[in-house]
């Protein structure tokens, strides 16, 4: 079933997220839009661990998430944070 109302595709293609923890076997909790909403904690989502590559499963790993039209996470990849913003990369 498609989410209603439909969101513009560009709103779903690249959403900032971070890994929070592994709270249940086979699942990881990630926070979408960390630093916004829910007392600046973001929106928690439990996703299958297989959806996130093993090298990105450590807590506080910055990610990008892509959602489908039903607002389900379909892909994640590493989000590089510039050094001037407190990250590891230049």
Foldseek 3Di string as FASTA:
>chain_A
DFDPPFDPQVVQAWWKKWWAACPDPQKTWIFTQQLDDPVRGHHIDIDGPVQDPPVRRDGGFIKIFGADRNRDTRHIDGDADDVVRPGDHD
